[in-house]
Amino acid sequence: MFQHYENIIIITPILSDEQAKETAKEYENYIIQKKGKIVHQEHWGLKKLAYSIQKKQSGCFHLFEFLLNSDLISDLELKLRQDERILRFLTVKLNKYGIEYAEKRRNKLLKKNEEL
């Protein structure tokens, strides 16, 4: 059964911005390969971390919002754990309020981008 998820990954700052985007693209392709559907994604770029992770003071953040079979989430998280380029990740199953909030957030971003 397909569920709505949100995932944020922190990619090591050692990689260039282009390599970080390629890493995110890899996970996008993985989700699609597993018959999932990407609803929305954002590349937030390099940000300073609140505390150091593996002696790194910053990380490249990427957000995915996707639909995926709930049985396959553990496979995705195992792949993220095994990847040395990923410092941290968080996967959250969205309930109806989370989905509603995510839609509002997306629409707000679209309006902001249209104004620019």
C-alpha atoms as a PDB file:
ATOM      1  CA  MET A   1       0.000   0.000   0.000  1.00  0.00           C
ATOM      2  CA  PHE A   2       1.369   3.408  -0.973  1.00  0.00           C
ATOM      3  CA  GLN A   3       2.010   5.896   1.808  1.00  0.00           C
ATOM      4  CA  HIS A   4       3.034   9.548   1.676  1.00  0.00           C
ATOM      5  CA  TYR A   5       6.541  10.195   3.064  1.00  0.00           C
ATOM      6  CA  GLU A   6       8.934  13.076   3.508  1.00  0.00           C
ATOM      7  CA  ASN A   7      12.678  12.496   3.680  1.00  0.00           C
ATOM      8  CA  ILE A   8      15.486  14.932   4.397  1.00  0.00           C
ATOM      9  CA  ILE A   9      19.066  13.873   3.760  1.00  0.00           C
ATOM     10  CA  ILE A  10      22.220  15.683   4.815  1.00  0.00           C
ATOM     11  CA  ILE A  11      24.994  15.066   2.313  1.00  0.00           C
ATOM     12  CA  THR A  12      28.649  15.475   3.301  1.00  0.00           C
ATOM     13  CA  PRO A  13      30.070  18.953   2.541  1.00  0.00           C
ATOM     14  CA  ILE A  14      33.216  17.391   1.053  1.00  0.00           C
ATOM     15  CA  LEU A  15      31.304  16.907  -2.202  1.00  0.00           C
ATOM     16  CA  SER A  16      30.768  19.788  -4.610  1.00  0.00           C
ATOM     17  CA  ASP A  17      27.243  21.123  -5.074  1.00  0.00           C
ATOM     18  CA  GLU A  18      27.028  19.258  -8.393  1.00  0.00           C
ATOM     19  CA  GLN A  19      28.083  15.965  -6.769  1.00  0.00           C
ATOM     20  CA  ALA A  20      25.547  16.502  -3.970  1.00  0.00           C
ATOM     21  CA  LYS A  21      22.803  16.977  -6.572  1.00  0.00           C
ATOM     22  CA  GLU A  22      23.963  13.793  -8.330  1.00  0.00           C
ATOM     23  CA  THR A  23      23.713  11.928  -5.015  1.00  0.00           C
ATOM     24  CA  ALA A  24      20.157  13.199  -4.528  1.00  0.00           C
ATOM     25  CA  LYS A  25      19.343  12.223  -8.134  1.00  0.00           C
ATOM     26  CA  GLU A  26      20.552   8.693  -7.335  1.00  0.00           C
ATOM     27  CA  TYR A  27      17.986   8.396  -4.540  1.00  0.00           C
ATOM     28  CA  GLU A  28      15.277   9.921  -6.723  1.00  0.00           C
ATOM     29  CA  ASN A  29      15.987   7.228  -9.336  1.00  0.00           C
ATOM     30  CA  TYR A  30      15.975   4.556  -6.605  1.00  0.00           C
ATOM     31  CA  ILE A  31      12.491   5.614  -5.434  1.00  0.00           C
ATOM     32  CA  ILE A  32      11.193   5.658  -9.029  1.00  0.00           C
ATOM     33  CA  GLN A  33      12.798   2.254  -9.707  1.00  0.00           C
ATOM     34  CA  LYS A  34      10.892   0.833  -6.714  1.00  0.00           C
ATOM     35  CA  LYS A  35       7.626   2.021  -8.340  1.00  0.00           C
ATOM     36  CA  GLY A  36       7.400   5.076  -6.075  1.00  0.00           C
ATOM     37  CA  LYS A  37       6.380   8.548  -7.170  1.00  0.00           C
ATOM     38  CA  ILE A  38       8.263  11.756  -6.362  1.00  0.00           C
ATOM     39  CA  VAL A  39       5.698  14.392  -5.375  1.00  0.00           C
ATOM     40  CA  HIS A  40       8.162  17.213  -4.723  1.00  0.00           C
ATOM     41  CA  GLN A  41      11.824  17.781  -3.972  1.00  0.00           C
ATOM     42  CA  GLU A  42      13.998  20.712  -2.988  1.00  0.00           C
ATOM     43  CA  HIS A  43      17.739  21.174  -2.895  1.00  0.00           C
ATOM     44  CA  TRP A  44      18.447  23.516   0.009  1.00  0.00           C
ATOM     45  CA  GLY A  45      22.198  23.620  -0.533  1.00  0.00           C
ATOM     46  CA  LEU A  46      24.976  23.958   2.011  1.00  0.00           C
ATOM     47  CA  LYS A  47      23.863  24.882   5.540  1.00  0.00           C
ATOM     48  CA  LYS A  48      25.672  25.191   8.841  1.00  0.00           C
ATOM     49  CA  LEU A  49      24.840  22.377  11.269  1.00  0.00           C
ATOM     50  CA  ALA A  50      23.691  23.019  14.846  1.00  0.00           C
ATOM     51  CA  TYR A  51      26.294  20.510  16.047  1.00  0.00           C
ATOM     52  CA  SER A  52      29.111  18.703  14.284  1.00  0.00           C
ATOM     53  CA  ILE A  53      28.444  15.326  12.670  1.00  0.00           C
ATOM     54  CA  GLN A  54      31.506  13.205  11.888  1.00  0.00           C
ATOM     55  CA  LYS A  55      33.636  16.318  12.553  1.00  0.00           C
ATOM     56  CA  LYS A  56      31.761  18.247   9.824  1.00  0.00           C
ATOM     57  CA  GLN A  57      30.348  21.699  10.648  1.00  0.00           C
ATOM     58  CA  SER A  58      28.086  21.955   7.586  1.00  0.00           C
ATOM     59  CA  GLY A  59      26.088  19.735   5.257  1.00  0.00           C
ATOM     60  CA  CYS A  60      24.182  19.858   1.995  1.00  0.00           C
ATOM     61  CA  PHE A  61      20.444  19.400   2.622  1.00  0.00           C
ATOM     62  CA  HIS A  62      17.954  17.799   0.209  1.00  0.00           C
ATOM     63  CA  LEU A  63      14.233  17.230   0.796  1.00  0.00           C
ATOM     64  CA  PHE A  64      12.122  14.559  -0.910  1.00  0.00           C
ATOM     65  CA  GLU A  65       8.357  14.205  -0.701  1.00  0.00           C
ATOM     66  CA  PHE A  66       7.248  10.932  -2.236  1.00  0.00           C
ATOM     67  CA  LEU A  67       4.745   8.085  -2.386  1.00  0.00           C
ATOM     68  CA  LEU A  68       6.158   4.611  -1.809  1.00  0.00           C
ATOM     69  CA  ASN A  69       5.021   1.188  -0.733  1.00  0.00           C
ATOM     70  CA  SER A  70       5.454   1.062   3.058  1.00  0.00           C
ATOM     71  CA  ASP A  71       7.291  -2.298   2.797  1.00  0.00           C
ATOM     72  CA  LEU A  72      10.119  -0.638   0.847  1.00  0.00           C
ATOM     73  CA  ILE A  73      10.947   2.157   3.311  1.00  0.00           C
ATOM     74  CA  SER A  74      13.282  -0.094   5.302  1.00  0.00           C
ATOM     75  CA  ASP A  75      15.186  -0.872   2.059  1.00  0.00           C
ATOM     76  CA  LEU A  76      15.548   2.845   1.304  1.00  0.00           C
ATOM     77  CA  GLU A  77      16.760   3.588   4.837  1.00  0.00           C
ATOM     78  CA  LEU A  78      19.259   0.706   4.696  1.00  0.00           C
ATOM     79  CA  LYS A  79      20.645   2.131   1.443  1.00  0.00           C
ATOM     80  CA  LEU A  80      20.927   5.584   3.075  1.00  0.00           C
ATOM     81  CA  ARG A  81      22.700   4.121   6.138  1.00  0.00           C
ATOM     82  CA  GLN A  82      25.251   2.318   3.965  1.00  0.00           C
ATOM     83  CA  ASP A  83      26.095   5.387   1.849  1.00  0.00           C
ATOM     84  CA  GLU A  84      29.192   7.171   3.178  1.00  0.00           C
ATOM     85  CA  ARG A  85      28.129  10.406   1.449  1.00  0.00           C
ATOM     86  CA  ILE A  86      25.042  10.695   3.708  1.00  0.00           C
ATOM     87  CA  LEU A  87      25.745  12.185   7.144  1.00  0.00           C
ATOM     88  CA  ARG A  88      22.163  11.946   8.456  1.00  0.00           C
ATOM     89  CA  PHE A  89      18.653  11.346   7.172  1.00  0.00           C
ATOM     90  CA  LEU A  90      15.130  11.480   8.522  1.00  0.00           C
ATOM     91  CA  THR A  91      12.114   9.778   6.958  1.00  0.00           C
ATOM     92  CA  VAL A  92       8.652  10.716   8.194  1.00  0.00           C
ATOM     93  CA  LYS A  93       5.299   9.201   7.209  1.00  0.00           C
ATOM     94  CA  LEU A  94       2.885  12.070   6.657  1.00  0.00           C
ATOM     95  CA  ASN A  95      -0.661  11.957   8.005  1.00  0.00           C
ATOM     96  CA  LYS A  96      -3.475  14.009   6.440  1.00  0.00           C
ATOM     97  CA  TYR A  97      -2.377  17.150   8.303  1.00  0.00           C
ATOM     98  CA  GLY A  98       1.223  16.701   7.216  1.00  0.00           C
ATOM     99  CA  ILE A  99       0.152  16.269   3.592  1.00  0.00           C
ATOM    100  CA  GLU A 100      -2.026  19.375   3.841  1.00  0.00           C
ATOM    101  CA  TYR A 101       0.853  21.392   5.323  1.00  0.00           C
ATOM    102  CA  ALA A 102       3.253  20.140   2.627  1.00  0.00           C
ATOM    103  CA  GLU A 103       0.808  21.239  -0.101  1.00  0.00           C
ATOM    104  CA  LYS A 104       0.503  24.725   1.439  1.00  0.00           C
ATOM    105  CA  ARG A 105       4.287  24.946   1.659  1.00  0.00           C
ATOM    106  CA  ARG A 106       4.704  23.892  -2.002  1.00  0.00           C
ATOM    107  CA  ASN A 107       2.105  26.416  -3.173  1.00  0.00           C
ATOM    108  CA  LYS A 108       3.772  29.157  -1.154  1.00  0.00           C
ATOM    109  CA  LEU A 109       7.132  28.300  -2.779  1.00  0.00           C
ATOM    110  CA  LEU A 110       5.566  28.322  -6.252  1.00  0.00           C
ATOM    111  CA  LYS A 111       4.064  31.772  -5.682  1.00  0.00           C
ATOM    112  CA  LYS A 112       7.378  33.049  -4.352  1.00  0.00           C
ATOM    113  CA  ASN A 113       9.242  31.693  -7.414  1.00  0.00           C
ATOM    114  CA  GLU A 114       6.658  33.200  -9.788  1.00  0.00           C
ATOM    115  CA  GLU A 115       7.150  36.628  -8.236  1.00  0.00           C
ATOM    116  CA  LEU A 116      10.893  36.476  -8.914  1.00  0.00           C
END
